Protein backbone atom coordinates (compact mmCIF):
# COMPACT_ATOMS: atom_id res chain seq x y z
CA MET A 1 5.45 11.46 78.94
CA VAL A 2 3.60 13.99 81.14
CA ASP A 3 1.95 15.46 78.08
CA LEU A 4 0.97 12.03 76.88
CA LEU A 5 -0.63 11.14 80.23
CA ALA A 6 -2.49 14.41 80.31
CA ILE A 7 -3.95 13.79 76.88
CA MET A 8 -4.94 10.26 77.86
CA ASN A 9 -6.54 11.52 81.08
CA SER A 10 -8.65 14.02 79.17
CA LEU A 11 -9.79 11.40 76.66
CA ILE A 12 -10.65 8.92 79.41
CA ARG A 13 -12.76 11.45 81.26
CA LEU A 14 -14.73 12.23 78.12
CA THR A 15 -15.38 8.67 77.00
CA SER A 16 -14.78 6.53 80.08
CA ARG A 17 -18.10 4.73 79.96
CA ASN A 18 -18.07 4.05 76.18
CA LEU A 19 -14.40 3.13 76.35
CA ASN A 20 -15.03 0.56 79.05
CA ASN A 21 -17.85 -1.00 77.02
CA ILE A 22 -15.70 -1.13 73.88
CA LEU A 23 -12.72 -2.62 75.68
CA GLU A 24 -14.95 -5.12 77.42
CA SER A 25 -16.29 -6.31 74.08
CA ILE A 26 -12.78 -6.53 72.66
CA GLY A 27 -11.70 -8.53 75.71
CA GLU A 28 -14.53 -10.99 75.24
CA ILE A 29 -13.62 -11.49 71.60
CA LEU A 30 -9.92 -11.98 72.40
CA TYR A 31 -10.43 -14.42 75.23
CA SER A 32 -13.42 -16.25 73.75
CA HIS A 33 -12.26 -16.69 70.16
CA PHE A 34 -8.49 -16.49 70.28
CA LEU A 35 -7.42 -17.58 73.76
CA GLY A 36 -10.11 -20.23 74.27
CA PHE A 37 -11.68 -18.85 77.49
CA ARG A 38 -15.31 -18.79 76.53
CA LYS A 39 -16.69 -17.20 79.70
CA ALA A 40 -13.80 -14.89 80.39
CA ARG A 41 -14.17 -11.13 80.44
CA LEU A 42 -11.42 -8.60 80.09
CA TYR A 43 -11.81 -5.20 81.66
CA ILE A 44 -9.16 -2.60 81.23
CA ILE A 45 -9.86 0.33 83.48
CA PHE A 46 -7.76 3.43 83.90
CA VAL A 47 -7.91 4.49 87.53
CA LYS A 48 -6.33 7.60 88.91
CA GLY A 49 -4.92 6.83 92.34
CA SER A 50 -3.33 10.20 92.94
CA ALA A 51 -1.77 13.07 91.04
CA ASP A 52 1.35 11.05 90.25
CA HIS A 53 0.04 7.51 90.43
CA TRP A 54 -1.84 5.59 87.73
CA LYS A 55 -2.98 2.07 87.78
CA ILE A 56 -4.23 -0.23 85.10
CA LEU A 57 -6.39 -2.87 86.56
CA MET A 58 -7.43 -6.02 84.74
CA SER A 59 -10.45 -7.90 85.89
CA TYR A 60 -10.29 -11.57 85.04
CA LYS A 61 -13.21 -13.65 86.21
CA ARG A 62 -14.24 -10.60 88.25
CA LYS A 63 -10.95 -10.56 90.21
CA GLU A 64 -9.14 -7.27 90.07
CA LEU A 65 -5.39 -7.46 89.83
CA GLU A 66 -3.00 -4.62 89.79
CA ILE A 67 -0.84 -5.37 86.78
CA MET A 68 1.00 -2.15 86.17
CA THR A 69 2.21 0.71 88.36
CA GLN A 70 2.96 4.26 87.27
CA ALA A 71 6.67 3.56 86.90
CA GLN A 72 5.96 0.38 84.92
CA PHE A 73 3.54 2.26 82.73
CA ASN A 74 6.10 5.00 82.06
CA LYS A 75 8.67 2.35 81.22
CA TRP A 76 6.21 0.56 79.01
CA CYS A 77 5.38 3.80 77.22
CA LYS A 78 9.10 4.43 76.59
CA ILE A 79 9.56 0.95 75.24
CA PHE A 80 6.46 1.24 73.13
CA THR A 81 7.53 4.62 71.79
CA VAL A 82 10.99 3.36 70.94
CA THR A 83 9.57 0.25 69.33
CA ILE A 84 7.18 2.29 67.22
CA ALA A 85 10.02 4.62 66.25
CA ILE A 86 12.22 1.70 65.24
CA LEU A 87 9.37 0.18 63.23
CA LEU A 88 8.77 3.51 61.53
CA VAL A 89 12.44 3.83 60.70
CA VAL A 90 12.50 0.30 59.31
CA LEU A 91 9.36 0.96 57.32
CA VAL A 92 10.77 4.20 55.91
CA ALA A 93 14.00 2.39 55.03
CA LEU A 94 12.06 -0.32 53.24
CA LEU A 95 10.07 2.25 51.30
CA ILE A 96 13.23 4.08 50.31
CA THR A 97 14.83 0.82 49.25
CA LEU A 98 11.83 -0.10 47.10
CA ILE A 99 11.85 3.33 45.44
CA VAL A 100 15.59 3.12 44.74
CA VAL A 101 15.26 -0.39 43.29
CA LYS A 102 12.34 0.64 41.10
CA ASN A 103 14.17 3.68 39.78
CA ALA A 104 17.25 1.57 39.12
CA ASP A 105 15.14 -0.91 37.18
CA ASN A 106 13.65 1.87 35.10
CA ASP A 107 17.13 3.24 34.43
CA VAL A 108 18.24 -0.12 33.13
CA HIS A 109 15.35 -0.36 30.68
CA GLU A 110 15.48 3.23 29.53
CA ILE A 111 17.86 3.92 26.64
CA PRO A 112 19.90 7.05 27.22
CA ASP A 113 19.47 9.78 24.65
CA TYR A 114 23.00 9.48 23.34
CA ILE A 115 22.61 5.72 22.88
CA SER A 116 19.28 6.26 21.12
CA GLU A 117 20.81 8.83 18.83
CA THR A 118 23.72 6.51 18.06
CA THR A 119 21.35 3.66 17.27
CA ASP A 120 19.17 5.83 15.05
CA THR A 121 22.24 7.03 13.21
CA SER A 122 23.45 3.48 12.65
CA ASN A 123 20.02 2.36 11.48
CA THR A 124 19.51 5.34 9.20
CA ARG A 125 20.02 4.32 5.57
CA ASN A 126 21.56 6.46 2.97
CA PRO A 127 18.74 7.52 0.59
CA SER A 128 20.86 6.64 -2.40
CA THR A 129 21.61 3.23 -0.94
CA THR A 130 17.95 2.63 -0.23
CA GLU A 131 17.07 3.69 -3.75
CA ASN A 132 19.70 1.39 -5.22
CA THR A 133 18.50 -1.52 -3.06
CA THR A 134 14.92 -0.89 -4.13
CA THR A 135 16.01 -0.78 -7.74
CA GLN A 136 17.91 -4.04 -7.39
CA ASN A 137 14.89 -5.72 -5.77
CA THR A 138 12.67 -4.42 -8.50
CA ASN A 139 15.02 -5.76 -11.12
CA THR A 140 15.09 -9.19 -9.54
CA GLN A 141 11.31 -9.43 -9.54
CA THR A 142 9.43 -10.53 -12.59
CA PRO A 143 8.25 -7.32 -14.28
CA GLU A 144 4.56 -7.00 -14.97
CA THR A 145 4.48 -6.08 -18.64
CA THR A 146 1.48 -4.50 -20.33
CA PRO A 147 0.14 -6.69 -23.13
CA SER A 148 1.23 -5.53 -26.57
CA LEU A 149 -1.29 -4.18 -29.07
CA SER A 150 -1.10 -7.42 -31.01
CA GLU A 151 -1.88 -9.44 -27.85
CA GLN A 152 -4.77 -7.15 -27.03
CA LEU A 153 -6.22 -7.59 -30.52
CA ASP A 154 -5.85 -11.35 -30.28
CA VAL A 155 -7.83 -11.32 -27.06
CA LYS A 156 -10.47 -8.91 -28.31
CA TYR A 157 -11.06 -10.76 -31.60
CA ALA A 158 -10.36 -14.28 -30.37
CA ALA A 159 -13.63 -15.38 -31.99
CA VAL A 160 -11.94 -15.02 -35.39
CA TYR A 161 -9.42 -17.73 -34.53
CA GLU A 162 -12.12 -19.99 -33.14
CA TRP A 163 -14.21 -19.51 -36.25
CA GLN A 164 -11.28 -20.50 -38.54
CA LYS A 165 -11.08 -23.94 -36.94
CA TRP A 166 -14.11 -24.99 -38.97
CA TYR A 167 -12.38 -24.40 -42.29
CA ASP A 168 -9.19 -25.48 -44.06
CA ASP A 169 -6.23 -23.43 -45.32
CA GLN A 170 -6.83 -20.45 -43.03
CA ASP A 171 -3.68 -18.40 -42.50
CA PHE A 172 -5.05 -15.34 -40.74
CA GLY A 173 -2.97 -14.87 -37.58
CA SER A 174 -1.70 -12.20 -35.22
CA GLU A 175 0.45 -10.52 -37.88
CA GLN A 176 -2.52 -10.20 -40.26
CA MET A 177 -4.73 -9.00 -37.40
CA LEU A 178 -2.31 -6.26 -36.44
CA TYR A 179 -1.85 -5.06 -40.04
CA LEU A 180 -5.59 -4.98 -40.70
CA TYR A 181 -6.03 -2.95 -37.52
CA GLU A 182 -3.45 -0.42 -38.84
CA CYS A 183 -5.29 -0.18 -42.15
CA CYS A 184 -8.60 0.35 -40.38
CA GLN A 185 -7.08 3.07 -38.26
CA THR A 186 -5.60 4.72 -41.33
CA TYR A 187 -8.87 4.74 -43.27
CA ASP A 188 -11.20 5.06 -40.29
CA ILE A 189 -13.04 1.78 -40.85
CA PRO A 190 -14.56 -0.41 -38.05
CA MET A 191 -12.37 -3.48 -37.50
CA GLU A 192 -15.42 -5.67 -36.99
CA PHE A 193 -16.81 -4.75 -40.39
CA MET A 194 -13.57 -5.66 -42.22
CA LEU A 195 -13.19 -8.95 -40.32
CA ALA A 196 -16.78 -9.89 -41.20
CA LEU A 197 -16.09 -8.98 -44.84
CA ILE A 198 -12.96 -11.19 -44.96
CA ALA A 199 -14.89 -14.05 -43.35
CA THR A 200 -17.61 -13.67 -45.98
CA GLU A 201 -15.28 -13.34 -48.96
CA SER A 202 -12.51 -15.87 -48.29
CA SER A 203 -13.03 -17.48 -44.85
CA PHE A 204 -9.68 -15.95 -43.85
CA ARG A 205 -7.63 -17.57 -46.66
CA SER A 206 -5.06 -15.33 -48.32
CA GLY A 207 -4.71 -17.68 -51.30
CA ALA A 208 -8.41 -17.93 -52.12
CA GLU A 209 -9.25 -17.60 -55.82
CA ALA A 210 -12.70 -17.30 -57.41
CA SER A 211 -13.31 -19.77 -60.23
CA THR A 212 -15.66 -17.48 -62.17
CA SER A 213 -13.78 -14.16 -61.81
CA SER A 214 -10.43 -12.61 -61.02
CA ALA A 215 -11.36 -12.11 -57.37
CA THR A 216 -8.34 -13.10 -55.24
CA GLY A 217 -7.06 -13.01 -51.69
CA TYR A 218 -8.57 -12.23 -48.29
CA CYS A 219 -11.02 -9.64 -49.61
CA GLN A 220 -11.50 -11.20 -53.09
CA VAL A 221 -10.44 -8.08 -54.97
CA THR A 222 -11.02 -8.26 -58.72
CA LYS A 223 -8.57 -7.09 -61.36
CA GLY A 224 -10.47 -3.98 -62.43
CA THR A 225 -11.15 -2.88 -58.85
CA ALA A 226 -7.53 -3.41 -57.82
CA GLU A 227 -6.26 -1.36 -60.76
CA TRP A 228 -8.64 1.53 -60.09
CA VAL A 229 -7.97 1.73 -56.33
CA TYR A 230 -4.23 1.24 -56.70
CA GLU A 231 -3.81 3.91 -59.39
CA ASP A 232 -6.59 6.42 -58.68
CA LEU A 233 -7.26 6.20 -54.92
CA LEU A 234 -3.90 5.09 -53.55
CA ARG A 235 -1.98 6.71 -56.41
CA ARG A 236 0.91 4.27 -56.24
CA GLY A 237 1.67 4.16 -59.95
CA THR A 238 0.68 1.64 -62.55
CA TYR A 239 -0.93 -1.55 -61.40
CA ASP A 240 0.44 -4.74 -63.00
CA VAL A 241 -2.81 -6.31 -64.12
CA ASP A 242 -1.00 -9.27 -65.68
CA ASN A 243 0.20 -10.39 -62.26
CA HIS A 244 -3.06 -9.60 -60.51
CA ARG A 245 -3.46 -13.02 -58.85
CA GLU A 246 0.00 -12.94 -57.39
CA LEU A 247 -0.30 -9.34 -56.30
CA MET A 248 -3.58 -9.92 -54.48
CA LYS A 249 -2.19 -12.98 -52.71
CA ASN A 250 0.12 -10.45 -51.08
CA TRP A 251 -2.18 -10.02 -48.08
CA LYS A 252 -0.82 -6.60 -47.12
CA LEU A 253 -1.56 -5.11 -50.51
CA ASN A 254 -4.89 -6.89 -50.55
CA MET A 255 -5.85 -5.30 -47.20
CA ASP A 256 -4.59 -1.85 -48.32
CA ILE A 257 -6.77 -1.88 -51.45
CA SER A 258 -9.88 -3.33 -49.79
CA THR A 259 -9.91 -1.04 -46.73
CA LYS A 260 -9.31 2.00 -48.91
CA LEU A 261 -12.19 0.92 -51.15
CA VAL A 262 -14.59 0.42 -48.21
CA SER A 263 -13.61 3.86 -46.87
CA TRP A 264 -14.35 5.46 -50.21
CA LEU A 265 -17.66 3.62 -50.53
CA TYR A 266 -18.75 4.65 -47.04
CA ASN A 267 -17.91 8.30 -47.71
CA ARG A 268 -19.71 8.05 -51.07
CA TRP A 269 -22.93 6.36 -49.88
CA GLY A 270 -23.02 7.40 -46.22
CA SER A 271 -23.54 4.00 -44.54
CA TYR A 272 -21.83 0.66 -44.09
CA GLU A 273 -24.95 -1.08 -45.30
CA MET A 274 -24.62 0.63 -48.68
CA ALA A 275 -20.84 0.28 -48.64
CA ALA A 276 -21.29 -3.50 -48.29
CA GLN A 277 -23.79 -3.62 -51.19
CA ARG A 278 -21.58 -1.52 -53.48
CA TYR A 279 -18.53 -3.55 -52.54
CA TYR A 280 -20.28 -6.62 -53.97
CA GLY A 281 -20.86 -4.59 -57.15
CA SER A 282 -23.61 -6.65 -58.74
CA THR A 283 -26.10 -5.17 -61.20
CA SER A 284 -28.82 -6.79 -59.08
CA ASP A 285 -29.91 -4.80 -56.08
CA SER A 286 -31.30 -7.88 -54.41
CA ALA A 287 -27.96 -9.66 -54.81
CA ASN A 288 -26.16 -6.68 -53.31
CA ALA A 289 -28.63 -6.59 -50.38
CA ALA A 290 -28.20 -10.34 -49.84
CA TYR A 291 -24.43 -9.85 -49.70
CA ALA A 292 -24.79 -7.10 -47.05
CA ASP A 293 -27.02 -9.47 -45.07
CA ARG A 294 -24.32 -12.17 -45.21
CA ILE A 295 -21.79 -9.70 -43.73
CA ASP A 296 -24.32 -8.81 -41.08
CA VAL A 297 -24.68 -12.52 -40.21
CA ARG A 298 -20.90 -12.92 -39.93
CA MET A 299 -20.67 -9.95 -37.61
CA THR A 300 -23.33 -11.46 -35.41
CA GLU A 301 -21.58 -14.82 -35.35
CA LEU A 302 -18.17 -13.37 -34.55
CA PHE A 303 -18.87 -10.31 -32.41
CA ASN A 304 -22.56 -10.48 -31.48
CA MET A 305 -23.22 -7.18 -33.25
CA THR A 306 -24.70 -6.01 -36.58
CA ILE A 307 -23.98 -3.40 -39.23
CA ALA A 308 -26.68 -1.25 -37.64
CA ASP A 309 -24.67 -1.27 -34.38
CA ILE A 310 -21.56 0.15 -36.00
CA GLU A 311 -23.70 2.72 -37.84
CA LYS A 312 -24.71 4.09 -34.41
CA ASN A 313 -21.09 4.39 -33.34
């Protein structure tokens, strides 16, 4: 306590005047605003009576009262020190308690490593099992199949089926479309050209017969032409000319002969325009040209293209 008093004595000597003013202002605030004494003044003055005697005087309404002796002050300092120490201890205990509780809470929410590893192991799927499950799920779903070639041709040349609705006895369907495509691929002929030719010749009727000639079938192949192509170009033996009508109503044979003939004519004359004219086979050039124009019109109606367009390709 002696050291404490010595420190206080030094501080008071250095700032006695300022300290008195500050304490006086604090006293006015306390008494005026908190204790209700509007005109009261509180003065706390440290007065040194002797080397071992201190007094704290309080002036209330300018009346000085001795409120604390040296012994009382020493006792008060001890009590104050002990109280502060207890408060500090309690505060430290509270802080320690809060820290412990917080750490405990974190420990509860944290998953230990061994538990995490166990959980991961239990949740880890066998690759083969996963693959099998995926396969099963895939099998249960409706597979997205790629359209067949026949379906693709039906979509691409749908105008042919629409065009047939205007006529009677048409029997050109998906099977005929697919076979004609195979013939065109074999003999390197544009599909659009052959479809336009069939539309011009028979309006897609496999049983069509010309009243003034032996022309029969989809492509209206005549007896002499069928015999020559069958025997000389296709080299399939002897053609039965007596059964020509029935043979040419066989739409597959009819397509074989006609596509082979168009291929030969194109290679011979160098253009589909001339191949169309020579296919007609009239002795009149104007009639042959008119026939090629009719095929050109059919191509435009069905596919919005002309013979000149396929020449470029």
